[in-house]
N, C-alpha and C. Protein backbone atom coordinates (compact mmCIF):
# COMPACT_ATOMS: atom_id res chain seq x y z
N MET A 1 91.30 82.42 23.93
CA MET A 1 92.13 81.77 24.93
C MET A 1 92.30 80.31 24.54
N SER A 2 93.50 79.81 24.67
CA SER A 2 93.75 78.43 24.28
C SER A 2 93.71 77.45 25.44
N ILE A 3 93.86 77.91 26.68
CA ILE A 3 93.76 77.00 27.81
C ILE A 3 92.68 77.46 28.78
N GLN A 4 92.23 76.50 29.59
CA GLN A 4 91.24 76.79 30.62
C GLN A 4 91.60 75.98 31.85
N VAL A 5 91.60 76.61 33.01
CA VAL A 5 91.93 75.94 34.27
C VAL A 5 90.64 75.66 35.03
N ASN A 6 90.44 74.41 35.41
CA ASN A 6 89.30 74.02 36.23
C ASN A 6 89.76 74.10 37.68
N LYS A 7 89.36 75.16 38.38
CA LYS A 7 89.82 75.38 39.75
C LYS A 7 89.34 74.30 40.71
N ALA A 8 88.22 73.66 40.40
CA ALA A 8 87.73 72.58 41.26
C ALA A 8 88.66 71.37 41.23
N LYS A 9 89.33 71.17 40.11
CA LYS A 9 90.28 70.05 39.98
C LYS A 9 91.70 70.42 40.40
N CYS A 10 92.01 71.71 40.42
CA CYS A 10 93.36 72.18 40.73
C CYS A 10 93.73 71.79 42.17
N VAL A 11 94.93 71.22 42.34
CA VAL A 11 95.40 70.81 43.66
C VAL A 11 96.46 71.77 44.22
N SER A 12 96.62 72.92 43.59
CA SER A 12 97.51 74.00 44.06
C SER A 12 98.98 73.62 44.10
N CYS A 13 99.40 72.72 43.22
CA CYS A 13 100.81 72.28 43.23
C CYS A 13 101.74 73.35 42.66
N GLY A 14 101.25 74.19 41.76
CA GLY A 14 102.06 75.25 41.19
C GLY A 14 102.94 74.84 40.02
N GLN A 15 102.86 73.59 39.61
CA GLN A 15 103.70 73.11 38.50
C GLN A 15 103.42 73.89 37.22
N CYS A 16 102.15 74.18 36.96
CA CYS A 16 101.79 74.91 35.74
C CYS A 16 102.37 76.32 35.75
N CYS A 17 102.37 76.94 36.91
CA CYS A 17 102.96 78.28 37.04
C CYS A 17 104.45 78.24 36.75
N ASP A 18 105.12 77.20 37.22
CA ASP A 18 106.56 77.07 37.05
C ASP A 18 106.97 76.85 35.60
N VAL A 19 106.15 76.12 34.83
CA VAL A 19 106.56 75.78 33.46
C VAL A 19 106.07 76.75 32.40
N CYS A 20 105.16 77.63 32.72
CA CYS A 20 104.63 78.57 31.73
C CYS A 20 105.74 79.52 31.28
N PRO A 21 106.16 79.43 30.00
CA PRO A 21 107.27 80.27 29.55
C PRO A 21 106.95 81.76 29.53
N GLY A 22 105.68 82.12 29.51
CA GLY A 22 105.30 83.53 29.50
C GLY A 22 104.89 84.05 30.86
N ASN A 23 105.02 83.22 31.90
CA ASN A 23 104.57 83.59 33.26
C ASN A 23 103.13 84.07 33.26
N LEU A 24 102.30 83.41 32.47
CA LEU A 24 100.90 83.82 32.33
C LEU A 24 99.99 83.16 33.36
N ILE A 25 100.42 82.05 33.94
CA ILE A 25 99.60 81.34 34.92
C ILE A 25 100.02 81.77 36.31
N GLN A 26 99.07 82.20 37.08
CA GLN A 26 99.30 82.69 38.43
C GLN A 26 98.41 81.91 39.40
N LYS A 27 98.56 82.18 40.69
CA LYS A 27 97.68 81.60 41.70
C LYS A 27 96.80 82.70 42.27
N ASP A 28 95.53 82.36 42.51
CA ASP A 28 94.61 83.34 43.09
C ASP A 28 94.72 83.33 44.62
N LYS A 29 93.87 84.08 45.28
CA LYS A 29 93.92 84.19 46.75
C LYS A 29 93.65 82.86 47.45
N ASN A 30 93.02 81.91 46.73
CA ASN A 30 92.76 80.58 47.29
C ASN A 30 93.81 79.56 46.87
N ASP A 31 94.91 80.06 46.29
CA ASP A 31 96.04 79.23 45.87
C ASP A 31 95.73 78.35 44.67
N LYS A 32 94.71 78.70 43.90
CA LYS A 32 94.32 77.95 42.71
C LYS A 32 94.88 78.65 41.46
N ALA A 33 95.29 77.86 40.49
CA ALA A 33 95.87 78.41 39.27
C ALA A 33 94.80 79.06 38.40
N TYR A 34 95.21 80.09 37.70
CA TYR A 34 94.36 80.73 36.69
C TYR A 34 95.28 81.40 35.67
N ILE A 35 94.77 81.62 34.47
CA ILE A 35 95.58 82.29 33.46
C ILE A 35 95.30 83.78 33.55
N LYS A 36 96.33 84.52 33.93
CA LYS A 36 96.19 85.95 34.19
C LYS A 36 96.04 86.75 32.89
N TYR A 37 96.74 86.36 31.86
CA TYR A 37 96.71 87.08 30.59
C TYR A 37 96.33 86.11 29.46
N PRO A 38 95.06 85.73 29.36
CA PRO A 38 94.66 84.72 28.38
C PRO A 38 94.98 85.10 26.94
N GLN A 39 94.92 86.38 26.62
CA GLN A 39 95.18 86.82 25.25
C GLN A 39 96.65 86.64 24.87
N GLU A 40 97.52 86.49 25.85
CA GLU A 40 98.95 86.32 25.59
C GLU A 40 99.37 84.87 25.43
N CYS A 41 98.51 83.93 25.77
CA CYS A 41 98.84 82.49 25.70
C CYS A 41 99.01 82.08 24.24
N TRP A 42 100.15 81.47 23.92
CA TRP A 42 100.38 81.03 22.55
C TRP A 42 100.15 79.54 22.37
N GLY A 43 99.66 78.86 23.40
CA GLY A 43 99.26 77.46 23.27
C GLY A 43 100.40 76.46 23.23
N CYS A 44 101.45 76.69 23.98
CA CYS A 44 102.60 75.76 23.97
C CYS A 44 102.26 74.44 24.66
N ILE A 45 101.24 74.40 25.46
CA ILE A 45 100.70 73.29 26.26
C ILE A 45 101.65 72.73 27.31
N ALA A 46 102.69 73.47 27.68
CA ALA A 46 103.58 73.03 28.75
C ALA A 46 102.79 72.81 30.04
N CYS A 47 101.85 73.69 30.33
CA CYS A 47 101.05 73.57 31.55
C CYS A 47 100.14 72.35 31.50
N VAL A 48 99.60 72.06 30.32
CA VAL A 48 98.71 70.90 30.16
C VAL A 48 99.48 69.62 30.44
N LYS A 49 100.69 69.52 29.90
CA LYS A 49 101.51 68.33 30.10
C LYS A 49 101.95 68.19 31.56
N GLU A 50 102.15 69.30 32.24
CA GLU A 50 102.66 69.26 33.61
C GLU A 50 101.57 68.97 34.64
N CYS A 51 100.32 69.29 34.32
CA CYS A 51 99.22 69.10 35.27
C CYS A 51 98.91 67.62 35.43
N SER A 52 99.18 67.08 36.60
CA SER A 52 99.02 65.64 36.83
C SER A 52 97.57 65.24 37.13
N VAL A 53 96.70 66.21 37.34
CA VAL A 53 95.31 65.89 37.69
C VAL A 53 94.31 66.25 36.60
N GLY A 54 94.78 66.70 35.46
CA GLY A 54 93.89 67.03 34.35
C GLY A 54 93.05 68.27 34.58
N ALA A 55 93.57 69.23 35.35
CA ALA A 55 92.81 70.44 35.65
C ALA A 55 92.91 71.50 34.56
N ILE A 56 93.83 71.31 33.61
CA ILE A 56 94.01 72.29 32.55
C ILE A 56 93.65 71.65 31.22
N LYS A 57 92.78 72.33 30.48
CA LYS A 57 92.36 71.87 29.16
C LYS A 57 92.91 72.82 28.11
N TYR A 58 93.30 72.25 26.98
CA TYR A 58 93.74 73.04 25.84
C TYR A 58 92.63 72.99 24.79
N HIS A 59 92.13 74.14 24.43
CA HIS A 59 91.04 74.24 23.47
C HIS A 59 91.57 73.98 22.06
N LEU A 60 90.94 73.05 21.36
CA LEU A 60 91.32 72.73 19.98
C LEU A 60 90.38 73.48 19.04
N GLY A 61 90.74 74.70 18.74
CA GLY A 61 89.89 75.55 17.92
C GLY A 61 89.84 75.13 16.47
N ILE A 62 88.88 75.68 15.77
CA ILE A 62 88.69 75.37 14.36
C ILE A 62 89.92 75.73 13.55
N ASP A 63 90.61 76.79 13.96
CA ASP A 63 91.78 77.23 13.20
C ASP A 63 92.90 76.20 13.19
N ILE A 64 92.90 75.26 14.15
CA ILE A 64 93.91 74.20 14.14
C ILE A 64 93.27 72.83 13.90
N GLY A 65 92.08 72.82 13.36
CA GLY A 65 91.44 71.57 12.99
C GLY A 65 90.69 70.86 14.09
N GLY A 66 90.56 71.48 15.26
CA GLY A 66 89.93 70.82 16.39
C GLY A 66 88.43 70.97 16.45
N LYS A 67 87.87 71.90 15.73
CA LYS A 67 86.43 72.13 15.67
C LYS A 67 85.79 72.32 17.04
N GLY A 68 86.56 72.85 17.99
CA GLY A 68 86.00 73.19 19.29
C GLY A 68 86.16 72.15 20.37
N GLY A 69 86.87 71.08 20.12
CA GLY A 69 87.12 70.09 21.16
C GLY A 69 88.21 70.56 22.10
N TYR A 70 88.69 69.67 22.96
CA TYR A 70 89.77 70.04 23.86
C TYR A 70 90.66 68.85 24.17
N LEU A 71 91.81 69.15 24.75
CA LEU A 71 92.83 68.17 25.07
C LEU A 71 93.24 68.36 26.52
N TYR A 72 93.45 67.25 27.24
CA TYR A 72 94.02 67.32 28.58
C TYR A 72 94.83 66.06 28.83
N THR A 73 95.66 66.09 29.86
CA THR A 73 96.52 64.94 30.16
C THR A 73 96.37 64.52 31.61
N LYS A 74 96.77 63.29 31.87
CA LYS A 74 96.89 62.79 33.24
C LYS A 74 98.18 61.99 33.31
N ASN A 75 98.95 62.25 34.35
CA ASN A 75 100.21 61.54 34.56
C ASN A 75 99.99 60.33 35.45
N ARG A 76 100.61 59.22 35.06
CA ARG A 76 100.56 58.00 35.86
C ARG A 76 101.97 57.43 35.95
N GLY A 77 102.79 58.07 36.78
CA GLY A 77 104.17 57.60 36.93
C GLY A 77 104.94 57.72 35.63
N ASP A 78 105.35 56.57 35.07
CA ASP A 78 106.11 56.56 33.82
C ASP A 78 105.25 56.78 32.59
N TYR A 79 103.94 56.85 32.77
CA TYR A 79 103.03 56.99 31.64
C TYR A 79 102.26 58.30 31.71
N MET A 80 101.96 58.83 30.54
CA MET A 80 101.11 60.01 30.43
C MET A 80 99.97 59.67 29.49
N ASP A 81 98.75 59.88 29.95
CA ASP A 81 97.56 59.67 29.13
C ASP A 81 97.15 61.02 28.55
N TRP A 82 96.99 61.05 27.24
CA TRP A 82 96.49 62.23 26.53
C TRP A 82 95.06 61.93 26.13
N PHE A 83 94.15 62.82 26.50
CA PHE A 83 92.74 62.66 26.16
C PHE A 83 92.32 63.78 25.22
N ILE A 84 91.72 63.40 24.12
CA ILE A 84 91.19 64.35 23.15
C ILE A 84 89.68 64.16 23.15
N VAL A 85 88.95 65.22 23.48
CA VAL A 85 87.49 65.16 23.57
C VAL A 85 86.91 66.03 22.46
N SER A 86 86.09 65.42 21.62
CA SER A 86 85.48 66.15 20.51
C SER A 86 84.21 66.86 20.98
N LEU A 87 83.67 67.70 20.11
CA LEU A 87 82.45 68.44 20.45
C LEU A 87 81.29 67.52 20.81
N ASP A 88 81.22 66.36 20.17
CA ASP A 88 80.14 65.43 20.47
C ASP A 88 80.47 64.54 21.68
N ARG A 89 81.49 64.95 22.44
CA ARG A 89 81.90 64.31 23.70
C ARG A 89 82.57 62.94 23.52
N ARG A 90 82.93 62.58 22.29
CA ARG A 90 83.70 61.35 22.11
C ARG A 90 85.10 61.58 22.65
N LYS A 91 85.61 60.62 23.39
CA LYS A 91 86.93 60.75 24.01
C LYS A 91 87.88 59.74 23.39
N HIS A 92 89.03 60.22 22.98
CA HIS A 92 90.08 59.38 22.44
C HIS A 92 91.27 59.46 23.40
N GLN A 93 91.90 58.34 23.66
CA GLN A 93 93.00 58.30 24.60
C GLN A 93 94.26 57.79 23.91
N ILE A 94 95.36 58.46 24.18
CA ILE A 94 96.68 58.04 23.71
C ILE A 94 97.55 57.94 24.95
N THR A 95 98.21 56.81 25.15
CA THR A 95 99.08 56.62 26.31
C THR A 95 100.53 56.59 25.84
N ILE A 96 101.35 57.40 26.50
CA ILE A 96 102.76 57.53 26.16
C ILE A 96 103.60 57.04 27.33
N ASN A 97 104.60 56.22 27.06
CA ASN A 97 105.59 55.84 28.06
C ASN A 97 106.63 56.96 28.07
N LYS A 98 106.68 57.75 29.13
CA LYS A 98 107.55 58.92 29.17
C LYS A 98 109.03 58.55 29.07
N LYS A 99 109.41 57.38 29.56
CA LYS A 99 110.80 56.98 29.49
C LYS A 99 111.22 56.62 28.06
N GLU A 100 110.26 56.25 27.24
CA GLU A 100 110.55 55.85 25.87
C GLU A 100 110.23 56.92 24.84
N SER A 101 109.55 57.98 25.23
CA SER A 101 109.00 58.94 24.26
C SER A 101 110.05 59.72 23.49
N ASN A 102 111.20 59.97 24.05
CA ASN A 102 112.24 60.74 23.38
C ASN A 102 113.42 59.87 22.96
N LYS A 103 113.18 58.62 22.83
CA LYS A 103 114.23 57.65 22.55
C LYS A 103 114.86 57.83 21.17
N TYR A 104 114.07 58.23 20.20
CA TYR A 104 114.58 58.26 18.82
C TYR A 104 115.02 59.60 18.41
């Protein structure tokens, strides 16, 4: 599985469900997101980018050079913070201005 949903952080907004191109993310009986078909996820990270509270993590497996770390985002208005956490818990942050990101 390439993504993981932290239900404790999920605010039940449904944005991840709306953007998943494979309709793989659903809501449970408590209105919290979960990935219904994890084996079908191809790791497009649309849900990760859409989650404004950082409740969805993308696993960076060894096959893509991540060695088991993970990636998550947090939205701050015009800015999006990307956090990459390595196995040794080092955190790297990249901040993107969303209004400028597709300029070129």
